[in-house]
Amino acid sequence: MTIRRILETLAQHRYRLTWQRWAVAAAVVVNQDRLLTAEELYSQLKKDYPDIGLATVYRTLDLLVELGLVDRVQVGEGPTKYGLRNADVEIRQQLVCECCGEVAPLDDRQLESLCKHLSHVSGYQISEIEVRVTGICPRCRAAARGEGQAVGRPAAGTARPAAAAADEPAATPARQAR
């Protein structure tokens, strides 16, 4: 991502293109290979722009996060860090019901921030991330409560749906004999 793309996005959303926003955008792009706290960005900017304020840096970073241009990464008790969003990384996230096999998309931007952090600490240039979360969907939970069945995997002798069974390895002769 470039400074130009950030400024174009700000203009498309009818935000003023102030010198402060330009400076913060430029600092984020220049430091695109690492995550920085707002205070670290502020320290860098203060050298060339002595009139810039820390609150302005925070507000601009919040705006860039809101527009999907920058990731906010919070890991544990440490300080919040910011980094340029990598548009080249494909992230697939899904929820899978272990009872009926329903697959639902998962849209959680916090996972994107975690992936950015993992890329930073590992040094890897990540190109693809796949997250699969399994559990029991609301419909199956409600059905289990209504029928008095235990929540969890289907009862013995209950046919599993094709979608769920497709993920399991085919039975081998040794497994069939048991």
N, C-alpha and C. Protein backbone atom coordinates (compact mmCIF):
# COMPACT_ATOMS: atom_id res chain seq x y z
N MET A 1 0.84 -1.17 0.00
CA MET A 1 0.00 0.00 0.00
C MET A 1 0.89 1.24 0.00
N THR A 2 0.39 2.27 -0.63
CA THR A 2 1.17 3.49 -0.77
C THR A 2 0.50 4.64 -0.03
N ILE A 3 1.26 5.70 0.17
CA ILE A 3 0.71 6.92 0.78
C ILE A 3 -0.42 7.43 -0.11
N ARG A 4 -0.21 7.36 -1.40
CA ARG A 4 -1.23 7.83 -2.34
C ARG A 4 -2.55 7.09 -2.14
N ARG A 5 -2.49 5.76 -1.97
CA ARG A 5 -3.72 4.97 -1.76
C ARG A 5 -4.41 5.39 -0.46
N ILE A 6 -3.64 5.65 0.58
CA ILE A 6 -4.23 6.09 1.86
C ILE A 6 -4.91 7.45 1.67
N LEU A 7 -4.24 8.38 1.01
CA LEU A 7 -4.80 9.71 0.80
C LEU A 7 -6.04 9.66 -0.10
N GLU A 8 -6.02 8.79 -1.11
CA GLU A 8 -7.20 8.63 -1.97
C GLU A 8 -8.39 8.08 -1.18
N THR A 9 -8.12 7.14 -0.29
CA THR A 9 -9.19 6.56 0.53
C THR A 9 -9.78 7.62 1.47
N LEU A 10 -8.90 8.44 2.07
CA LEU A 10 -9.39 9.52 2.92
C LEU A 10 -10.28 10.47 2.12
N ALA A 11 -9.84 10.83 0.91
CA ALA A 11 -10.61 11.75 0.07
C ALA A 11 -11.95 11.12 -0.35
N GLN A 12 -11.95 9.84 -0.68
CA GLN A 12 -13.19 9.15 -1.07
C GLN A 12 -14.22 9.17 0.05
N HIS A 13 -13.74 9.12 1.29
CA HIS A 13 -14.64 9.15 2.45
C HIS A 13 -14.87 10.57 2.95
N ARG A 14 -14.43 11.54 2.16
CA ARG A 14 -14.64 12.97 2.42
C ARG A 14 -13.97 13.48 3.70
N TYR A 15 -12.80 12.93 3.99
CA TYR A 15 -11.98 13.46 5.08
C TYR A 15 -11.02 14.48 4.51
N ARG A 16 -10.74 15.52 5.28
CA ARG A 16 -9.78 16.53 4.84
C ARG A 16 -8.38 15.93 4.79
N LEU A 17 -7.62 16.33 3.79
CA LEU A 17 -6.25 15.85 3.63
C LEU A 17 -5.30 16.86 4.28
N THR A 18 -5.17 16.79 5.58
CA THR A 18 -4.32 17.72 6.32
C THR A 18 -2.87 17.25 6.27
N TRP A 19 -1.97 18.16 6.57
CA TRP A 19 -0.56 17.79 6.59
C TRP A 19 -0.29 16.76 7.70
N GLN A 20 -1.05 16.82 8.79
CA GLN A 20 -0.86 15.87 9.89
C GLN A 20 -1.24 14.45 9.45
N ARG A 21 -2.37 14.33 8.75
CA ARG A 21 -2.79 13.01 8.26
C ARG A 21 -1.79 12.49 7.24
N TRP A 22 -1.31 13.38 6.38
CA TRP A 22 -0.30 12.97 5.41
C TRP A 22 0.95 12.47 6.12
N ALA A 23 1.39 13.19 7.14
CA ALA A 23 2.61 12.81 7.86
C ALA A 23 2.45 11.45 8.55
N VAL A 24 1.32 11.23 9.21
CA VAL A 24 1.09 9.94 9.89
C VAL A 24 1.03 8.82 8.85
N ALA A 25 0.30 9.05 7.75
CA ALA A 25 0.22 8.05 6.68
C ALA A 25 1.61 7.72 6.14
N ALA A 26 2.42 8.74 5.92
CA ALA A 26 3.77 8.52 5.41
C ALA A 26 4.61 7.72 6.40
N ALA A 27 4.49 8.02 7.69
CA ALA A 27 5.26 7.30 8.70
C ALA A 27 4.85 5.84 8.77
N VAL A 28 3.57 5.57 8.63
CA VAL A 28 3.09 4.18 8.65
C VAL A 28 3.62 3.43 7.44
N VAL A 29 3.59 4.06 6.27
CA VAL A 29 4.07 3.41 5.05
C VAL A 29 5.58 3.18 5.11
N VAL A 30 6.32 4.17 5.58
CA VAL A 30 7.78 4.03 5.69
C VAL A 30 8.14 2.89 6.63
N ASN A 31 7.34 2.67 7.66
CA ASN A 31 7.59 1.61 8.65
C ASN A 31 6.73 0.38 8.40
N GLN A 32 6.37 0.13 7.14
CA GLN A 32 5.44 -0.95 6.83
C GLN A 32 5.94 -2.34 7.19
N ASP A 33 7.22 -2.50 7.42
CA ASP A 33 7.76 -3.81 7.75
C ASP A 33 7.77 -4.09 9.25
N ARG A 34 7.23 -3.16 10.06
CA ARG A 34 7.21 -3.39 11.50
C ARG A 34 6.01 -2.71 12.14
N LEU A 35 5.71 -3.15 13.34
CA LEU A 35 4.62 -2.58 14.12
C LEU A 35 5.18 -1.55 15.08
N LEU A 36 4.48 -0.43 15.22
CA LEU A 36 4.93 0.63 16.12
C LEU A 36 3.78 1.10 17.00
N THR A 37 4.11 1.57 18.18
CA THR A 37 3.10 2.19 19.03
C THR A 37 2.86 3.61 18.52
N ALA A 38 1.76 4.21 18.94
CA ALA A 38 1.48 5.60 18.56
C ALA A 38 2.58 6.51 19.07
N GLU A 39 3.10 6.21 20.26
CA GLU A 39 4.18 7.04 20.82
C GLU A 39 5.45 6.94 19.99
N GLU A 40 5.76 5.74 19.47
CA GLU A 40 6.95 5.59 18.62
C GLU A 40 6.79 6.37 17.31
N LEU A 41 5.59 6.29 16.72
CA LEU A 41 5.34 7.08 15.51
C LEU A 41 5.45 8.57 15.81
N TYR A 42 4.88 8.98 16.93
CA TYR A 42 4.92 10.38 17.34
C TYR A 42 6.37 10.86 17.49
N SER A 43 7.20 10.05 18.13
CA SER A 43 8.62 10.41 18.30
C SER A 43 9.31 10.60 16.96
N GLN A 44 9.03 9.71 16.02
CA GLN A 44 9.61 9.84 14.68
C GLN A 44 9.13 11.11 13.99
N LEU A 45 7.83 11.36 14.09
CA LEU A 45 7.23 12.51 13.40
C LEU A 45 7.66 13.84 14.01
N LYS A 46 7.85 13.86 15.32
CA LYS A 46 8.18 15.11 16.04
C LYS A 46 9.49 15.71 15.53
N LYS A 47 10.41 14.86 15.06
CA LYS A 47 11.70 15.35 14.55
C LYS A 47 11.51 16.27 13.34
N ASP A 48 10.62 15.86 12.41
CA ASP A 48 10.40 16.62 11.19
C ASP A 48 9.21 17.57 11.27
N TYR A 49 8.27 17.26 12.18
CA TYR A 49 7.05 18.06 12.31
C TYR A 49 6.84 18.41 13.78
N PRO A 50 7.59 19.40 14.29
CA PRO A 50 7.54 19.72 15.72
C PRO A 50 6.17 20.18 16.21
N ASP A 51 5.27 20.61 15.31
CA ASP A 51 3.95 21.07 15.73
C ASP A 51 2.91 19.96 15.82
N ILE A 52 3.28 18.74 15.45
CA ILE A 52 2.29 17.65 15.49
C ILE A 52 2.06 17.23 16.95
N GLY A 53 0.83 16.86 17.25
CA GLY A 53 0.49 16.47 18.61
C GLY A 53 0.25 14.97 18.72
N LEU A 54 0.51 14.42 19.90
CA LEU A 54 0.29 12.99 20.14
C LEU A 54 -1.18 12.62 19.94
N ALA A 55 -2.10 13.48 20.40
CA ALA A 55 -3.53 13.21 20.22
C ALA A 55 -3.89 13.13 18.74
N THR A 56 -3.26 13.96 17.93
CA THR A 56 -3.51 13.95 16.48
C THR A 56 -3.03 12.63 15.88
N VAL A 57 -1.89 12.15 16.34
CA VAL A 57 -1.38 10.86 15.86
C VAL A 57 -2.37 9.76 16.22
N TYR A 58 -2.84 9.74 17.47
CA TYR A 58 -3.82 8.72 17.89
C TYR A 58 -5.10 8.81 17.05
N ARG A 59 -5.64 10.01 16.89
CA ARG A 59 -6.89 10.18 16.13
C ARG A 59 -6.71 9.73 14.67
N THR A 60 -5.58 10.06 14.09
CA THR A 60 -5.33 9.68 12.70
C THR A 60 -5.18 8.16 12.58
N LEU A 61 -4.47 7.55 13.52
CA LEU A 61 -4.34 6.09 13.50
C LEU A 61 -5.71 5.43 13.65
N ASP A 62 -6.54 5.94 14.57
CA ASP A 62 -7.89 5.39 14.75
C ASP A 62 -8.69 5.49 13.45
N LEU A 63 -8.58 6.61 12.76
CA LEU A 63 -9.28 6.80 11.49
C LEU A 63 -8.78 5.80 10.44
N LEU A 64 -7.46 5.63 10.36
CA LEU A 64 -6.90 4.70 9.38
C LEU A 64 -7.29 3.26 9.69
N VAL A 65 -7.43 2.92 10.98
CA VAL A 65 -7.92 1.59 11.38
C VAL A 65 -9.37 1.44 10.94
N GLU A 66 -10.18 2.46 11.22
CA GLU A 66 -11.60 2.45 10.86
C GLU A 66 -11.80 2.27 9.35
N LEU A 67 -10.93 2.86 8.56
CA LEU A 67 -11.02 2.76 7.10
C LEU A 67 -10.41 1.46 6.56
N GLY A 68 -9.85 0.64 7.44
CA GLY A 68 -9.29 -0.64 7.02
C GLY A 68 -7.93 -0.55 6.37
N LEU A 69 -7.22 0.55 6.60
CA LEU A 69 -5.90 0.74 5.99
C LEU A 69 -4.77 0.33 6.90
N VAL A 70 -5.02 0.36 8.21
CA VAL A 70 -4.01 0.07 9.22
C VAL A 70 -4.61 -0.94 10.20
N ASP A 71 -3.78 -1.83 10.71
CA ASP A 71 -4.20 -2.80 11.72
C ASP A 71 -3.79 -2.31 13.10
N ARG A 72 -4.66 -2.50 14.06
CA ARG A 72 -4.36 -2.23 15.47
C ARG A 72 -4.10 -3.60 16.10
N VAL A 73 -2.93 -3.77 16.71
CA VAL A 73 -2.55 -5.06 17.28
C VAL A 73 -2.33 -4.91 18.78
N GLN A 74 -3.08 -5.66 19.54
CA GLN A 74 -2.95 -5.68 21.00
C GLN A 74 -2.63 -7.11 21.40
N VAL A 75 -1.46 -7.35 21.93
CA VAL A 75 -1.07 -8.68 22.35
C VAL A 75 -0.79 -8.66 23.84
N GLY A 76 -1.59 -9.40 24.59
CA GLY A 76 -1.41 -9.47 26.03
C GLY A 76 -1.54 -8.11 26.67
N GLU A 77 -0.70 -7.86 27.66
CA GLU A 77 -0.73 -6.61 28.42
C GLU A 77 0.15 -5.53 27.80
N GLY A 78 0.83 -5.85 26.70
CA GLY A 78 1.73 -4.89 26.08
C GLY A 78 0.99 -3.73 25.44
N PRO A 79 1.74 -2.75 24.96
CA PRO A 79 1.12 -1.56 24.35
C PRO A 79 0.48 -1.91 23.00
N THR A 80 -0.52 -1.14 22.62
CA THR A 80 -1.16 -1.30 21.32
C THR A 80 -0.19 -0.84 20.25
N LYS A 81 -0.07 -1.64 19.19
CA LYS A 81 0.82 -1.29 18.09
C LYS A 81 0.01 -1.19 16.81
N TYR A 82 0.55 -0.49 15.86
CA TYR A 82 -0.12 -0.24 14.60
C TYR A 82 0.79 -0.63 13.45
N GLY A 83 0.19 -1.13 12.37
CA GLY A 83 0.96 -1.48 11.18
C GLY A 83 0.09 -1.41 9.95
N LEU A 84 0.71 -1.17 8.84
CA LEU A 84 0.02 -1.08 7.56
C LEU A 84 -0.63 -2.42 7.25
N ARG A 85 -1.88 -2.40 6.85
CA ARG A 85 -2.58 -3.63 6.48
C ARG A 85 -2.00 -4.16 5.18
N ASN A 86 -1.75 -5.46 5.14
CA ASN A 86 -1.20 -6.09 3.95
C ASN A 86 -2.34 -6.64 3.12
N ALA A 87 -2.66 -5.98 2.03
CA ALA A 87 -3.78 -6.38 1.17
C ALA A 87 -3.46 -7.64 0.38
N ASP A 88 -2.19 -8.08 0.36
CA ASP A 88 -1.82 -9.26 -0.41
C ASP A 88 -2.05 -10.56 0.34
N VAL A 89 -2.37 -10.48 1.63
CA VAL A 89 -2.58 -11.69 2.42
C VAL A 89 -4.04 -12.12 2.31
N GLU A 90 -4.24 -13.36 1.91
CA GLU A 90 -5.59 -13.91 1.84
C GLU A 90 -5.90 -14.58 3.16
N ILE A 91 -6.98 -14.15 3.80
CA ILE A 91 -7.37 -14.72 5.08
C ILE A 91 -8.74 -15.37 4.90
N ARG A 92 -8.80 -16.68 5.13
CA ARG A 92 -10.07 -17.40 5.09
C ARG A 92 -10.40 -17.83 6.50
N GLN A 93 -11.57 -17.44 6.95
CA GLN A 93 -12.01 -17.75 8.30
C GLN A 93 -13.40 -18.37 8.21
N GLN A 94 -13.63 -19.47 8.93
CA GLN A 94 -14.95 -20.08 8.89
C GLN A 94 -15.27 -20.78 10.20
N LEU A 95 -16.57 -20.85 10.48
CA LEU A 95 -17.10 -21.59 11.61
C LEU A 95 -17.73 -22.87 11.06
N VAL A 96 -17.46 -24.01 11.68
CA VAL A 96 -18.00 -25.28 11.21
C VAL A 96 -18.72 -25.96 12.37
N CYS A 97 -19.99 -26.32 12.15
CA CYS A 97 -20.75 -27.04 13.18
C CYS A 97 -20.33 -28.50 13.14
N GLU A 98 -19.93 -29.01 14.29
CA GLU A 98 -19.48 -30.40 14.34
C GLU A 98 -20.64 -31.39 14.39
N CYS A 99 -21.87 -30.89 14.52
CA CYS A 99 -23.04 -31.77 14.50
C CYS A 99 -23.65 -31.90 13.10
N CYS A 100 -23.99 -30.75 12.50
CA CYS A 100 -24.68 -30.78 11.21
C CYS A 100 -23.77 -30.50 10.03
N GLY A 101 -22.57 -30.00 10.28
CA GLY A 101 -21.62 -29.72 9.21
C GLY A 101 -21.80 -28.37 8.56
N GLU A 102 -22.71 -27.53 9.08
CA GLU A 102 -22.92 -26.21 8.51
C GLU A 102 -21.60 -25.42 8.55
N VAL A 103 -21.31 -24.70 7.48
CA VAL A 103 -20.13 -23.86 7.40
C VAL A 103 -20.60 -22.42 7.27
N ALA A 104 -20.15 -21.58 8.18
CA ALA A 104 -20.53 -20.16 8.17
C ALA A 104 -19.26 -19.32 8.11
N PRO A 105 -19.30 -18.21 7.38
CA PRO A 105 -18.12 -17.34 7.35
C PRO A 105 -17.91 -16.69 8.71
N LEU A 106 -16.67 -16.42 9.02
CA LEU A 106 -16.30 -15.77 10.27
C LEU A 106 -15.61 -14.48 9.90
N ASP A 107 -16.17 -13.37 10.33
CA ASP A 107 -15.56 -12.07 10.04
C ASP A 107 -15.10 -11.46 11.34
N ASP A 108 -13.84 -11.67 11.66
CA ASP A 108 -13.30 -11.16 12.92
C ASP A 108 -11.99 -10.45 12.63
N ARG A 109 -12.02 -9.13 12.65
CA ARG A 109 -10.82 -8.35 12.33
C ARG A 109 -9.71 -8.53 13.37
N GLN A 110 -10.07 -9.01 14.55
CA GLN A 110 -9.04 -9.24 15.56
C GLN A 110 -8.10 -10.36 15.12
N LEU A 111 -8.61 -11.33 14.36
CA LEU A 111 -7.74 -12.38 13.84
C LEU A 111 -6.73 -11.79 12.86
N GLU A 112 -7.16 -10.80 12.08
CA GLU A 112 -6.24 -10.16 11.15
C GLU A 112 -5.10 -9.47 11.90
N SER A 113 -5.43 -8.83 13.00
CA SER A 113 -4.40 -8.16 13.79
C SER A 113 -3.43 -9.18 14.38
N LEU A 114 -3.96 -10.31 14.85
CA LEU A 114 -3.09 -11.36 15.39
C LEU A 114 -2.16 -11.88 14.30
N CYS A 115 -2.68 -12.06 13.10
CA CYS A 115 -1.85 -12.54 11.99
C CYS A 115 -0.75 -11.55 11.66
N LYS A 116 -1.06 -10.26 11.71
CA LYS A 116 -0.05 -9.22 11.48
C LYS A 116 1.05 -9.33 12.53
N HIS A 117 0.63 -9.55 13.79
CA HIS A 117 1.61 -9.69 14.87
C HIS A 117 2.49 -10.92 14.64
N LEU A 118 1.87 -12.04 14.25
CA LEU A 118 2.64 -13.27 14.00
C LEU A 118 3.65 -13.07 12.87
N SER A 119 3.24 -12.34 11.85
CA SER A 119 4.16 -12.04 10.75
C SER A 119 5.34 -11.22 11.25
N HIS A 120 5.03 -10.25 12.11
CA HIS A 120 6.08 -9.37 12.65
C HIS A 120 7.07 -10.15 13.51
N VAL A 121 6.58 -10.96 14.44
CA VAL A 121 7.49 -11.64 15.36
C VAL A 121 8.22 -12.81 14.70
N SER A 122 7.61 -13.43 13.68
CA SER A 122 8.25 -14.58 13.04
C SER A 122 9.19 -14.18 11.92
N GLY A 123 8.97 -12.99 11.35
CA GLY A 123 9.77 -12.56 10.22
C GLY A 123 9.27 -13.12 8.90
N TYR A 124 8.22 -13.94 8.94
CA TYR A 124 7.67 -14.52 7.72
C TYR A 124 6.87 -13.47 6.95
N GLN A 125 6.95 -13.54 5.62
CA GLN A 125 6.05 -12.77 4.79
C GLN A 125 4.89 -13.72 4.50
N ILE A 126 3.80 -13.52 5.22
CA ILE A 126 2.67 -14.44 5.15
C ILE A 126 1.83 -14.13 3.93
N SER A 127 1.47 -15.17 3.16
CA SER A 127 0.67 -14.97 1.96
C SER A 127 -0.75 -15.53 2.10
N GLU A 128 -0.95 -16.47 3.01
CA GLU A 128 -2.27 -17.07 3.16
C GLU A 128 -2.45 -17.54 4.60
N ILE A 129 -3.66 -17.33 5.12
CA ILE A 129 -3.99 -17.76 6.47
C ILE A 129 -5.36 -18.41 6.40
N GLU A 130 -5.49 -19.58 7.01
CA GLU A 130 -6.78 -20.26 7.06
C GLU A 130 -7.09 -20.58 8.52
N VAL A 131 -8.24 -20.12 8.98
CA VAL A 131 -8.67 -20.36 10.35
C VAL A 131 -10.00 -21.10 10.28
N ARG A 132 -10.06 -22.25 10.93
CA ARG A 132 -11.28 -23.05 10.98
C ARG A 132 -11.63 -23.26 12.44
N VAL A 133 -12.78 -22.74 12.84
CA VAL A 133 -13.24 -22.86 14.22
C VAL A 133 -14.41 -23.83 14.22
N THR A 134 -14.30 -24.90 15.01
CA THR A 134 -15.40 -25.86 15.08
C THR A 134 -16.13 -25.72 16.41
N GLY A 135 -17.40 -26.02 16.36
CA GLY A 135 -18.24 -25.94 17.54
C GLY A 135 -19.63 -26.43 17.19
N ILE A 136 -20.61 -26.02 17.96
CA ILE A 136 -21.98 -26.45 17.73
C ILE A 136 -22.82 -25.21 17.43
N CYS A 137 -23.49 -25.22 16.29
CA CYS A 137 -24.26 -24.06 15.85
C CYS A 137 -25.49 -23.86 16.75
N PRO A 138 -26.04 -22.65 16.73
CA PRO A 138 -27.21 -22.37 17.57
C PRO A 138 -28.40 -23.30 17.29
N ARG A 139 -28.62 -23.65 16.01
CA ARG A 139 -29.74 -24.52 15.67
C ARG A 139 -29.57 -25.91 16.28
N CYS A 140 -28.36 -26.46 16.22
CA CYS A 140 -28.12 -27.79 16.81
C CYS A 140 -28.18 -27.73 18.33
N ARG A 141 -27.70 -26.65 18.91
CA ARG A 141 -27.78 -26.51 20.38
C ARG A 141 -29.23 -26.46 20.83
N ALA A 142 -30.05 -25.70 20.08
CA ALA A 142 -31.47 -25.60 20.43
C ALA A 142 -32.16 -26.95 20.25
N ALA A 143 -31.84 -27.66 19.17
CA ALA A 143 -32.43 -28.97 18.93
C ALA A 143 -32.04 -29.96 20.03
N ALA A 144 -30.79 -29.90 20.46
CA ALA A 144 -30.32 -30.81 21.50
C ALA A 144 -31.02 -30.53 22.82
N ARG A 145 -31.24 -29.27 23.13
CA ARG A 145 -31.95 -28.92 24.37
C ARG A 145 -33.41 -29.37 24.30
N GLY A 146 -34.02 -29.21 23.12
CA GLY A 146 -35.43 -29.55 22.95
C GLY A 146 -35.68 -31.05 22.97
N GLU A 147 -34.73 -31.84 22.51
CA GLU A 147 -34.90 -33.29 22.44
C GLU A 147 -34.30 -33.99 23.65
N GLY A 148 -33.64 -33.25 24.52
CA GLY A 148 -33.02 -33.86 25.69
C GLY A 148 -31.73 -34.60 25.37
N GLN A 149 -31.22 -34.43 24.15
CA GLN A 149 -29.98 -35.08 23.75
C GLN A 149 -28.80 -34.31 24.30
N ALA A 150 -27.71 -34.98 24.60
CA ALA A 150 -26.50 -34.31 25.06
C ALA A 150 -25.93 -33.49 23.91
N VAL A 151 -25.41 -32.32 24.24
CA VAL A 151 -24.79 -31.48 23.24
C VAL A 151 -23.43 -32.07 22.92
N GLY A 152 -23.10 -32.10 21.66
CA GLY A 152 -21.80 -32.63 21.25
C GLY A 152 -21.94 -33.36 19.94
N ARG A 153 -21.14 -34.37 19.77
CA ARG A 153 -21.17 -35.13 18.53
C ARG A 153 -22.46 -35.92 18.44
N PRO A 154 -22.90 -36.28 17.22
CA PRO A 154 -24.13 -37.05 17.06
C PRO A 154 -24.05 -38.37 17.83
N ALA A 155 -25.21 -38.81 18.29
CA ALA A 155 -25.27 -40.06 19.06
C ALA A 155 -24.83 -41.22 18.20
N ALA A 156 -24.38 -42.29 18.84
CA ALA A 156 -23.91 -43.47 18.12
C ALA A 156 -25.04 -43.98 17.24
N GLY A 157 -24.71 -44.38 16.02
CA GLY A 157 -25.70 -44.88 15.09
C GLY A 157 -26.38 -43.79 14.30
N THR A 158 -26.14 -42.52 14.64
CA THR A 158 -26.73 -41.41 13.91
C THR A 158 -25.84 -41.11 12.72
N ALA A 159 -26.44 -41.01 11.56
CA ALA A 159 -25.65 -40.73 10.35
C ALA A 159 -25.15 -39.30 10.40
N ARG A 160 -23.89 -39.13 10.11
CA ARG A 160 -23.33 -37.78 10.03
C ARG A 160 -23.58 -37.25 8.64
N PRO A 161 -23.81 -35.97 8.52
CA PRO A 161 -24.04 -35.39 7.18
C PRO A 161 -22.80 -35.52 6.31
N ALA A 162 -23.04 -35.52 5.01
CA ALA A 162 -21.93 -35.69 4.06
C ALA A 162 -20.87 -34.63 4.26
N ALA A 163 -21.26 -33.39 4.55
CA ALA A 163 -20.28 -32.31 4.71
C ALA A 163 -19.34 -32.60 5.86
N ALA A 164 -19.87 -33.14 6.96
CA ALA A 164 -19.02 -33.43 8.11
C ALA A 164 -18.21 -34.69 7.88
N ALA A 165 -18.84 -35.71 7.23
CA ALA A 165 -18.15 -36.98 7.02
C ALA A 165 -17.04 -36.84 6.00
N ALA A 166 -17.13 -35.88 5.11
CA ALA A 166 -16.12 -35.71 4.06
C ALA A 166 -14.76 -35.38 4.62
N ASP A 167 -14.71 -34.78 5.81
CA ASP A 167 -13.43 -34.42 6.40
C ASP A 167 -12.72 -35.59 7.06
N GLU A 168 -13.44 -36.69 7.29
CA GLU A 168 -12.85 -37.83 7.97
C GLU A 168 -12.19 -38.75 6.96
N PRO A 169 -11.11 -39.43 7.37
CA PRO A 169 -10.47 -40.36 6.44
C PRO A 169 -11.38 -41.55 6.17
N ALA A 170 -11.26 -42.11 4.98
CA ALA A 170 -12.06 -43.27 4.63
C ALA A 170 -11.68 -44.45 5.52
N ALA A 171 -12.65 -45.30 5.79
CA ALA A 171 -12.39 -46.46 6.65
C ALA A 171 -11.48 -47.43 5.93
N THR A 172 -10.47 -47.89 6.59
CA THR A 172 -9.56 -48.88 6.03
C THR A 172 -10.05 -50.26 6.44
N PRO A 173 -9.61 -51.33 5.77
CA PRO A 173 -10.05 -52.66 6.16
C PRO A 173 -9.78 -52.94 7.65
N ALA A 174 -8.65 -52.43 8.18
CA ALA A 174 -8.33 -52.66 9.60
C ALA A 174 -9.33 -51.96 10.49
N ARG A 175 -9.77 -50.79 10.10
CA ARG A 175 -10.74 -50.02 10.89
C ARG A 175 -12.13 -50.65 10.78
N GLN A 176 -12.45 -51.20 9.61
CA GLN A 176 -13.78 -51.80 9.42
C GLN A 176 -13.93 -53.06 10.26
N ALA A 177 -12.84 -53.76 10.48
CA ALA A 177 -12.90 -55.03 11.19
C ALA A 177 -13.22 -54.84 12.67
N ARG A 178 -12.98 -53.67 13.21
CA ARG A 178 -13.21 -53.43 14.64
C ARG A 178 -14.64 -53.35 15.00
